[in-house]
Amino acid sequence: MSKLLLKADNITLSYPDTTNSFGLFRQEAMGQTLALDNVSLELFEGENLALIGANGSGKSTLLRVLAQIYPPNSGRVASYGDIQTLFNMGIGMKQDLTGRQNAVLMGMIAGRPRQEVLEMLPEIIEFSELGSVFDQPVRTYSRGMAMRLSFAVATSLEPEILLIDEWIGAGDERFRTKAQERLADMVGGSRGFILASHNVSIVKQYCHRAIWLNGGKVAKEGPVEEVLRAYIEHTHLNKEKNREEVDAENFS
């Protein structure tokens, strides 16, 4: 049997409902919004798992719980390998540090020894195409430059478990093509990965199994084609229902 890489048991996560201007000061009165409702999953070695669902279904939130960025209200996450995340590219870097200093810092935060990260720097510089800008403060970077730096570092680390929030595109068309090829190689080199995405073709191309989240709950889990079929049918039916309701209102 394949080795278990990542396991989530009965994850529930709520956050304060702050839907009006007083929400931050009236969290108890406003109540809680349930983002994840008793969600469980397992990722085994050699598996590529997709998280699918509409906006607000809980995909990105679940990824951050799995990465232990968000602590759940209840439930447990256990990982049995090195985790690397690819989301919020360029966010969280130290603005007053140079690209070089940030690269070393990000590598060490990811658990790599300083010397190992230093040895990776020439390849990171080459791939990011930042040139002399690499030694300038990140506060002088454009958003695209910061994304390229973050992407170059993250995809140089060769993790055992990879968590991706949407298939990353960074920079101009030429760089995006290079980044997508790099990401495909990284996915192939990982022992397992989880991708949250709306892109059906990417999900079909890279994932073996899928979990469909609907309103923070697992609506269906299984082979990727089977789950995608159910999700697309559900989405189509909802669109038809909404169209019929709009038509009824127009003629009422």
C-alpha atoms as a PDB file:
ATOM      1  CA  MET A   1       0.000   0.000   0.000  1.00  0.00           C
ATOM      2  CA  SER A   2       1.213   3.530  -0.811  1.00  0.00           C
ATOM      3  CA  LYS A   3       2.604   5.666   1.991  1.00  0.00           C
ATOM      4  CA  LEU A   4       0.249   8.232   3.540  1.00  0.00           C
ATOM      5  CA  LEU A   5       1.585  11.762   2.971  1.00  0.00           C
ATOM      6  CA  LEU A   6      -1.164  13.998   4.322  1.00  0.00           C
ATOM      7  CA  LYS A   7      -4.327  13.401   6.332  1.00  0.00           C
ATOM      8  CA  ALA A   8      -7.117  15.712   7.474  1.00  0.00           C
ATOM      9  CA  ASP A   9      -9.749  14.432   9.895  1.00  0.00           C
ATOM     10  CA  ASN A  10     -13.113  16.147  10.353  1.00  0.00           C
ATOM     11  CA  ILE A  11     -11.871  19.696   9.725  1.00  0.00           C
ATOM     12  CA  THR A  12     -14.314  22.424  10.711  1.00  0.00           C
ATOM     13  CA  LEU A  13     -13.437  26.100  10.458  1.00  0.00           C
ATOM     14  CA  SER A  14     -15.590  29.171  11.119  1.00  0.00           C
ATOM     15  CA  TYR A  15     -14.733  32.842  11.010  1.00  0.00           C
ATOM     16  CA  PRO A  16     -16.589  35.923  12.267  1.00  0.00           C
ATOM     17  CA  ASP A  17     -19.276  37.239   9.953  1.00  0.00           C
ATOM     18  CA  THR A  18     -18.344  40.877   9.321  1.00  0.00           C
ATOM     19  CA  THR A  19     -20.756  41.623   6.504  1.00  0.00           C
ATOM     20  CA  ASN A  20     -21.480  45.209   7.591  1.00  0.00           C
ATOM     21  CA  SER A  21     -19.388  48.097   8.831  1.00  0.00           C
ATOM     22  CA  PHE A  22     -19.961  47.136  12.460  1.00  0.00           C
ATOM     23  CA  GLY A  23     -19.008  43.500  12.063  1.00  0.00           C
ATOM     24  CA  LEU A  24     -15.507  43.787  13.479  1.00  0.00           C
ATOM     25  CA  PHE A  25     -16.960  45.190  16.705  1.00  0.00           C
ATOM     26  CA  ARG A  26     -20.000  42.910  16.910  1.00  0.00           C
ATOM     27  CA  GLN A  27     -18.606  39.480  16.137  1.00  0.00           C
ATOM     28  CA  GLU A  28     -20.682  37.714  18.777  1.00  0.00           C
ATOM     29  CA  ALA A  29     -23.880  39.411  17.670  1.00  0.00           C
ATOM     30  CA  MET A  30     -23.106  38.881  13.994  1.00  0.00           C
ATOM     31  CA  GLY A  31     -22.347  35.168  14.473  1.00  0.00           C
ATOM     32  CA  GLN A  32     -19.975  32.934  12.548  1.00  0.00           C
ATOM     33  CA  THR A  33     -19.638  31.920   8.906  1.00  0.00           C
ATOM     34  CA  LEU A  34     -18.888  28.239   8.395  1.00  0.00           C
ATOM     35  CA  ALA A  35     -16.058  27.935   5.873  1.00  0.00           C
ATOM     36  CA  LEU A  36     -15.339  24.200   6.253  1.00  0.00           C
ATOM     37  CA  ASP A  37     -17.790  21.682   7.638  1.00  0.00           C
ATOM     38  CA  ASN A  38     -16.402  18.319   8.794  1.00  0.00           C
ATOM     39  CA  VAL A  39     -14.020  17.884   5.833  1.00  0.00           C
ATOM     40  CA  SER A  40     -11.706  14.860   5.699  1.00  0.00           C
ATOM     41  CA  LEU A  41      -9.168  13.777   3.092  1.00  0.00           C
ATOM     42  CA  GLU A  42      -6.117  11.618   2.602  1.00  0.00           C
ATOM     43  CA  LEU A  43      -3.234  12.044   0.162  1.00  0.00           C
ATOM     44  CA  PHE A  44      -1.077   9.015  -0.591  1.00  0.00           C
ATOM     45  CA  GLU A  45       2.306   8.861  -2.288  1.00  0.00           C
ATOM     46  CA  GLY A  46       1.956   9.085  -6.060  1.00  0.00           C
ATOM     47  CA  GLU A  47      -1.460  10.756  -5.899  1.00  0.00           C
ATOM     48  CA  ASN A  48      -2.427  14.038  -7.520  1.00  0.00           C
ATOM     49  CA  LEU A  49      -5.601  15.379  -5.908  1.00  0.00           C
ATOM     50  CA  ALA A  50      -7.801  18.212  -7.222  1.00  0.00           C
ATOM     51  CA  LEU A  51     -10.045  20.426  -5.101  1.00  0.00           C
ATOM     52  CA  ILE A  52     -12.870  21.781  -7.230  1.00  0.00           C
ATOM     53  CA  GLY A  53     -15.898  23.944  -6.502  1.00  0.00           C
ATOM     54  CA  ALA A  54     -17.344  27.398  -7.003  1.00  0.00           C
ATOM     55  CA  ASN A  55     -15.836  30.557  -5.526  1.00  0.00           C
ATOM     56  CA  GLY A  56     -16.397  30.526  -1.771  1.00  0.00           C
ATOM     57  CA  SER A  57     -16.746  26.753  -1.594  1.00  0.00           C
ATOM     58  CA  GLY A  58     -13.754  26.414   0.759  1.00  0.00           C
ATOM     59  CA  LYS A  59     -10.978  25.246  -1.589  1.00  0.00           C
ATOM     60  CA  SER A  60      -8.398  27.914  -0.728  1.00  0.00           C
ATOM     61  CA  THR A  61      -9.308  27.818   2.957  1.00  0.00           C
ATOM     62  CA  LEU A  62      -8.790  24.050   3.052  1.00  0.00           C
ATOM     63  CA  LEU A  63      -5.368  24.388   1.397  1.00  0.00           C
ATOM     64  CA  ARG A  64      -4.305  26.853   4.078  1.00  0.00           C
ATOM     65  CA  VAL A  65      -5.526  24.546   6.832  1.00  0.00           C
ATOM     66  CA  LEU A  66      -3.547  21.686   5.263  1.00  0.00           C
ATOM     67  CA  ALA A  67      -0.482  23.956   5.163  1.00  0.00           C
ATOM     68  CA  GLN A  68      -1.128  24.751   8.858  1.00  0.00           C
ATOM     69  CA  ILE A  69      -1.521  28.454   8.118  1.00  0.00           C
ATOM     70  CA  TYR A  70      -5.113  28.492   9.433  1.00  0.00           C
ATOM     71  CA  PRO A  71      -5.821  26.522  12.625  1.00  0.00           C
ATOM     72  CA  PRO A  72      -9.193  24.709  12.426  1.00  0.00           C
ATOM     73  CA  ASN A  73     -11.848  25.068  15.119  1.00  0.00           C
ATOM     74  CA  SER A  74     -11.975  21.295  15.318  1.00  0.00           C
ATOM     75  CA  GLY A  75     -10.339  18.372  13.586  1.00  0.00           C
ATOM     76  CA  ARG A  76      -6.730  17.466  12.963  1.00  0.00           C
ATOM     77  CA  VAL A  77      -4.164  17.680  10.150  1.00  0.00           C
ATOM     78  CA  ALA A  78      -1.164  15.353  10.047  1.00  0.00           C
ATOM     79  CA  SER A  79       1.601  15.528   7.417  1.00  0.00           C
ATOM     80  CA  TYR A  80       4.262  12.912   6.768  1.00  0.00           C
ATOM     81  CA  GLY A  81       6.553  14.815   4.437  1.00  0.00           C
ATOM     82  CA  ASP A  82       7.969  18.221   3.533  1.00  0.00           C
ATOM     83  CA  ILE A  83       5.185  20.610   2.383  1.00  0.00           C
ATOM     84  CA  GLN A  84       5.672  23.472  -0.076  1.00  0.00           C
ATOM     85  CA  THR A  85       2.878  25.882  -0.973  1.00  0.00           C
ATOM     86  CA  LEU A  86       2.337  27.840  -4.161  1.00  0.00           C
ATOM     87  CA  PHE A  87      -0.221  30.546  -3.459  1.00  0.00           C
ATOM     88  CA  ASN A  88      -0.219  34.273  -2.647  1.00  0.00           C
ATOM     89  CA  MET A  89       2.896  34.637  -4.773  1.00  0.00           C
ATOM     90  CA  GLY A  90       4.995  37.609  -3.687  1.00  0.00           C
ATOM     91  CA  ILE A  91       3.015  38.105  -0.482  1.00  0.00           C
ATOM     92  CA  GLY A  92       4.884  38.010   2.829  1.00  0.00           C
ATOM     93  CA  MET A  93       8.337  38.957   1.594  1.00  0.00           C
ATOM     94  CA  LYS A  94      10.281  41.507   3.611  1.00  0.00           C
ATOM     95  CA  GLN A  95      10.010  44.717   1.637  1.00  0.00           C
ATOM     96  CA  ASP A  96      13.232  46.290   2.911  1.00  0.00           C
ATOM     97  CA  LEU A  97      15.341  43.206   2.174  1.00  0.00           C
ATOM     98  CA  THR A  98      16.839  42.560  -1.248  1.00  0.00           C
ATOM     99  CA  GLY A  99      15.661  39.810  -3.554  1.00  0.00           C
ATOM    100  CA  ARG A 100      18.759  37.794  -2.598  1.00  0.00           C
ATOM    101  CA  GLN A 101      18.088  38.171   1.137  1.00  0.00           C
ATOM    102  CA  ASN A 102      14.429  37.272   0.676  1.00  0.00           C
ATOM    103  CA  ALA A 103      15.336  34.196  -1.365  1.00  0.00           C
ATOM    104  CA  VAL A 104      17.607  32.941   1.403  1.00  0.00           C
ATOM    105  CA  LEU A 105      14.991  33.732   4.048  1.00  0.00           C
ATOM    106  CA  MET A 106      12.180  31.955   2.130  1.00  0.00           C
ATOM    107  CA  GLY A 107      14.347  28.909   1.579  1.00  0.00           C
ATOM    108  CA  MET A 108      15.273  28.684   5.249  1.00  0.00           C
ATOM    109  CA  ILE A 109      11.634  29.168   6.339  1.00  0.00           C
ATOM    110  CA  ALA A 110      10.815  26.223   4.062  1.00  0.00           C
ATOM    111  CA  GLY A 111      13.251  24.144   6.128  1.00  0.00           C
ATOM    112  CA  ARG A 112      16.345  24.186   3.913  1.00  0.00           C
ATOM    113  CA  PRO A 113      19.816  24.750   5.430  1.00  0.00           C
ATOM    114  CA  ARG A 114      21.288  28.153   4.642  1.00  0.00           C
ATOM    115  CA  GLN A 115      24.196  26.672   2.681  1.00  0.00           C
ATOM    116  CA  GLU A 116      21.826  24.660   0.512  1.00  0.00           C
ATOM    117  CA  VAL A 117      19.809  27.776  -0.292  1.00  0.00           C
ATOM    118  CA  LEU A 118      22.980  29.732  -1.112  1.00  0.00           C
ATOM    119  CA  GLU A 119      23.964  27.022  -3.584  1.00  0.00           C
ATOM    120  CA  MET A 120      20.553  27.348  -5.242  1.00  0.00           C
ATOM    121  CA  LEU A 121      20.850  31.125  -5.756  1.00  0.00           C
ATOM    122  CA  PRO A 122      22.495  31.128  -9.226  1.00  0.00           C
ATOM    123  CA  GLU A 123      19.682  28.982 -10.615  1.00  0.00           C
ATOM    124  CA  ILE A 124      17.049  31.145  -8.863  1.00  0.00           C
ATOM    125  CA  ILE A 125      18.577  34.319 -10.326  1.00  0.00           C
ATOM    126  CA  GLU A 126      18.690  32.824 -13.815  1.00  0.00           C
ATOM    127  CA  PHE A 127      15.121  31.541 -13.745  1.00  0.00           C
ATOM    128  CA  SER A 128      13.615  34.717 -12.245  1.00  0.00           C
ATOM    129  CA  GLU A 129      15.309  36.860 -14.913  1.00  0.00           C
ATOM    130  CA  LEU A 130      15.759  39.642 -12.360  1.00  0.00           C
ATOM    131  CA  GLY A 131      19.436  40.234 -13.126  1.00  0.00           C
ATOM    132  CA  SER A 132      20.972  43.108 -11.134  1.00  0.00           C
ATOM    133  CA  VAL A 133      17.540  43.878  -9.648  1.00  0.00           C
ATOM    134  CA  PHE A 134      18.005  40.725  -7.548  1.00  0.00           C
ATOM    135  CA  ASP A 135      20.199  42.766  -5.187  1.00  0.00           C
ATOM    136  CA  GLN A 136      17.778  45.680  -4.857  1.00  0.00           C
ATOM    137  CA  PRO A 137      15.130  46.002  -2.104  1.00  0.00           C
ATOM    138  CA  VAL A 138      11.882  44.177  -2.865  1.00  0.00           C
ATOM    139  CA  ARG A 139       9.957  47.399  -2.183  1.00  0.00           C
ATOM    140  CA  THR A 140      11.294  48.617  -5.558  1.00  0.00           C
ATOM    141  CA  TYR A 141       9.869  45.568  -7.386  1.00  0.00           C
ATOM    142  CA  SER A 142       6.703  45.522  -9.408  1.00  0.00           C
ATOM    143  CA  ARG A 143       4.109  42.917  -8.402  1.00  0.00           C
ATOM    144  CA  GLY A 144       5.151  40.766 -11.370  1.00  0.00           C
ATOM    145  CA  MET A 145       8.814  40.890 -10.356  1.00  0.00           C
ATOM    146  CA  ALA A 146       7.954  39.867  -6.792  1.00  0.00           C
ATOM    147  CA  MET A 147       5.875  36.972  -8.129  1.00  0.00           C
ATOM    148  CA  ARG A 148       8.753  35.822 -10.329  1.00  0.00           C
ATOM    149  CA  LEU A 149      11.142  35.857  -7.369  1.00  0.00           C
ATOM    150  CA  SER A 150       8.731  33.974  -5.126  1.00  0.00           C
ATOM    151  CA  PHE A 151       7.953  31.461  -7.874  1.00  0.00           C
ATOM    152  CA  ALA A 152      11.633  30.869  -8.671  1.00  0.00           C
ATOM    153  CA  VAL A 153      12.440  30.162  -5.011  1.00  0.00           C
ATOM    154  CA  ALA A 154       9.398  27.974  -4.343  1.00  0.00           C
ATOM    155  CA  THR A 155       9.909  25.835  -7.441  1.00  0.00           C
ATOM    156  CA  SER A 156      13.586  25.267  -6.648  1.00  0.00           C
ATOM    157  CA  LEU A 157      12.863  23.469  -3.370  1.00  0.00           C
ATOM    158  CA  GLU A 158      11.648  20.077  -4.704  1.00  0.00           C
ATOM    159  CA  PRO A 159       9.123  19.309  -1.942  1.00  0.00           C
ATOM    160  CA  GLU A 160       7.582  15.953  -1.096  1.00  0.00           C
ATOM    161  CA  ILE A 161       4.071  17.432  -0.821  1.00  0.00           C
ATOM    162  CA  LEU A 162       3.009  20.342  -3.027  1.00  0.00           C
ATOM    163  CA  LEU A 163      -0.092  22.486  -2.386  1.00  0.00           C
ATOM    164  CA  ILE A 164      -1.153  24.734  -5.291  1.00  0.00           C
ATOM    165  CA  ASP A 165      -3.908  27.363  -5.292  1.00  0.00           C
ATOM    166  CA  GLU A 166      -4.689  27.712  -9.010  1.00  0.00           C
ATOM    167  CA  TRP A 167      -2.153  26.954 -11.724  1.00  0.00           C
ATOM    168  CA  ILE A 168       0.347  29.801 -11.447  1.00  0.00           C
ATOM    169  CA  GLY A 169       0.913  32.269 -14.246  1.00  0.00           C
ATOM    170  CA  ALA A 170       3.566  34.927 -13.640  1.00  0.00           C
ATOM    171  CA  GLY A 171       4.925  37.672 -15.866  1.00  0.00           C
ATOM    172  CA  ASP A 172       4.531  38.065 -19.610  1.00  0.00           C
ATOM    173  CA  GLU A 173       3.402  35.311 -21.969  1.00  0.00           C
ATOM    174  CA  ARG A 174       6.924  33.998 -22.566  1.00  0.00           C
ATOM    175  CA  PHE A 175       7.667  33.808 -18.841  1.00  0.00           C
ATOM    176  CA  ARG A 176       4.260  32.217 -18.134  1.00  0.00           C
ATOM    177  CA  THR A 177       5.060  29.457 -20.615  1.00  0.00           C
ATOM    178  CA  LYS A 178       8.405  28.874 -18.916  1.00  0.00           C
ATOM    179  CA  ALA A 179       6.757  28.953 -15.477  1.00  0.00           C
ATOM    180  CA  GLN A 180       4.094  26.437 -16.508  1.00  0.00           C
ATOM    181  CA  GLU A 181       6.751  24.060 -17.851  1.00  0.00           C
ATOM    182  CA  ARG A 182       8.688  24.442 -14.599  1.00  0.00           C
ATOM    183  CA  LEU A 183       5.577  23.798 -12.535  1.00  0.00           C
ATOM    184  CA  ALA A 184       4.738  20.690 -14.580  1.00  0.00           C
ATOM    185  CA  ASP A 185       8.254  19.362 -13.894  1.00  0.00           C
ATOM    186  CA  MET A 186       7.849  20.159 -10.201  1.00  0.00           C
ATOM    187  CA  VAL A 187       4.519  18.339 -10.043  1.00  0.00           C
ATOM    188  CA  GLY A 188       6.141  15.335 -11.704  1.00  0.00           C
ATOM    189  CA  GLY A 189       8.962  15.389  -9.168  1.00  0.00           C
ATOM    190  CA  SER A 190       6.795  15.636  -6.057  1.00  0.00           C
ATOM    191  CA  ARG A 191       5.591  12.572  -4.185  1.00  0.00           C
ATOM    192  CA  GLY A 192       2.054  13.973  -4.152  1.00  0.00           C
ATOM    193  CA  PHE A 193       0.237  17.241  -4.682  1.00  0.00           C
ATOM    194  CA  ILE A 194      -3.112  18.935  -4.159  1.00  0.00           C
ATOM    195  CA  LEU A 195      -4.366  21.505  -6.656  1.00  0.00           C
ATOM    196  CA  ALA A 196      -7.294  23.852  -6.062  1.00  0.00           C
ATOM    197  CA  SER A 197      -8.467  25.069  -9.454  1.00  0.00           C
ATOM    198  CA  HIS A 198     -11.336  26.136 -11.704  1.00  0.00           C
ATOM    199  CA  ASN A 199      -9.422  25.036 -14.815  1.00  0.00           C
ATOM    200  CA  VAL A 200     -11.034  21.786 -15.962  1.00  0.00           C
ATOM    201  CA  SER A 201      -8.361  21.007 -18.575  1.00  0.00           C
ATOM    202  CA  ILE A 202      -5.520  21.461 -16.047  1.00  0.00           C
ATOM    203  CA  VAL A 203      -7.348  19.302 -13.503  1.00  0.00           C
ATOM    204  CA  LYS A 204      -7.905  16.550 -16.089  1.00  0.00           C
ATOM    205  CA  GLN A 205      -4.292  16.730 -17.248  1.00  0.00           C
ATOM    206  CA  TYR A 206      -2.571  16.538 -13.877  1.00  0.00           C
ATOM    207  CA  CYS A 207      -4.950  15.022 -11.317  1.00  0.00           C
ATOM    208  CA  HIS A 208      -6.026  11.429 -10.687  1.00  0.00           C
ATOM    209  CA  ARG A 209      -8.631  12.032  -7.991  1.00  0.00           C
ATOM    210  CA  ALA A 210     -10.877  14.962  -7.073  1.00  0.00           C
ATOM    211  CA  ILE A 211     -12.870  16.327  -4.165  1.00  0.00           C
ATOM    212  CA  TRP A 212     -15.792  18.637  -4.939  1.00  0.00           C
ATOM    213  CA  LEU A 213     -16.458  21.150  -2.171  1.00  0.00           C
ATOM    214  CA  ASN A 214     -19.853  22.827  -1.994  1.00  0.00           C
ATOM    215  CA  GLY A 215     -20.568  25.287   0.790  1.00  0.00           C
ATOM    216  CA  GLY A 216     -17.607  24.038   2.805  1.00  0.00           C
ATOM    217  CA  LYS A 217     -18.753  20.393   2.653  1.00  0.00           C
ATOM    218  CA  VAL A 218     -17.497  17.469   0.591  1.00  0.00           C
ATOM    219  CA  ALA A 219     -20.183  17.013  -2.079  1.00  0.00           C
ATOM    220  CA  LYS A 220     -18.407  14.196  -3.909  1.00  0.00           C
ATOM    221  CA  GLU A 221     -15.032  12.427  -3.935  1.00  0.00           C
ATOM    222  CA  GLY A 222     -13.601   9.954  -6.416  1.00  0.00           C
ATOM    223  CA  PRO A 223     -11.938   9.607  -9.840  1.00  0.00           C
ATOM    224  CA  VAL A 224     -11.397  13.015 -11.404  1.00  0.00           C
ATOM    225  CA  GLU A 225     -13.606  12.467 -14.479  1.00  0.00           C
ATOM    226  CA  GLU A 226     -16.500  11.238 -12.343  1.00  0.00           C
ATOM    227  CA  VAL A 227     -16.340  14.142  -9.887  1.00  0.00           C
ATOM    228  CA  LEU A 228     -15.924  16.745 -12.639  1.00  0.00           C
ATOM    229  CA  ARG A 229     -18.956  15.346 -14.446  1.00  0.00           C
ATOM    230  CA  ALA A 230     -21.104  15.667 -11.315  1.00  0.00           C
ATOM    231  CA  TYR A 231     -19.812  19.185 -10.592  1.00  0.00           C
ATOM    232  CA  ILE A 232     -20.377  20.427 -14.160  1.00  0.00           C
ATOM    233  CA  GLU A 233     -23.883  18.945 -14.217  1.00  0.00           C
ATOM    234  CA  HIS A 234     -24.690  20.595 -10.878  1.00  0.00           C
ATOM    235  CA  THR A 235     -23.349  23.939 -12.104  1.00  0.00           C
ATOM    236  CA  HIS A 236     -25.363  23.698 -15.326  1.00  0.00           C
ATOM    237  CA  LEU A 237     -28.562  22.851 -13.456  1.00  0.00           C
ATOM    238  CA  ASN A 238     -28.068  25.797 -11.088  1.00  0.00           C
ATOM    239  CA  LYS A 239     -27.558  28.164 -14.030  1.00  0.00           C
ATOM    240  CA  GLU A 240     -30.747  26.881 -15.646  1.00  0.00           C
ATOM    241  CA  LYS A 241     -32.647  27.275 -12.377  1.00  0.00           C
ATOM    242  CA  ASN A 242     -31.393  30.826 -11.891  1.00  0.00           C
ATOM    243  CA  ARG A 243     -32.309  31.688 -15.484  1.00  0.00           C
ATOM    244  CA  GLU A 244     -35.828  30.330 -14.978  1.00  0.00           C
ATOM    245  CA  GLU A 245     -36.232  32.329 -11.755  1.00  0.00           C
ATOM    246  CA  VAL A 246     -35.097  35.532 -13.497  1.00  0.00           C
ATOM    247  CA  ASP A 247     -37.520  34.891 -16.366  1.00  0.00           C
ATOM    248  CA  ALA A 248     -40.366  34.273 -13.914  1.00  0.00           C
ATOM    249  CA  GLU A 249     -39.619  37.559 -12.138  1.00  0.00           C
ATOM    250  CA  ASN A 250     -39.528  39.451 -15.415  1.00  0.00           C
ATOM    251  CA  PHE A 251     -42.998  38.191 -16.368  1.00  0.00           C
ATOM    252  CA  SER A 252     -44.595  38.454 -12.914  1.00  0.00           C
END
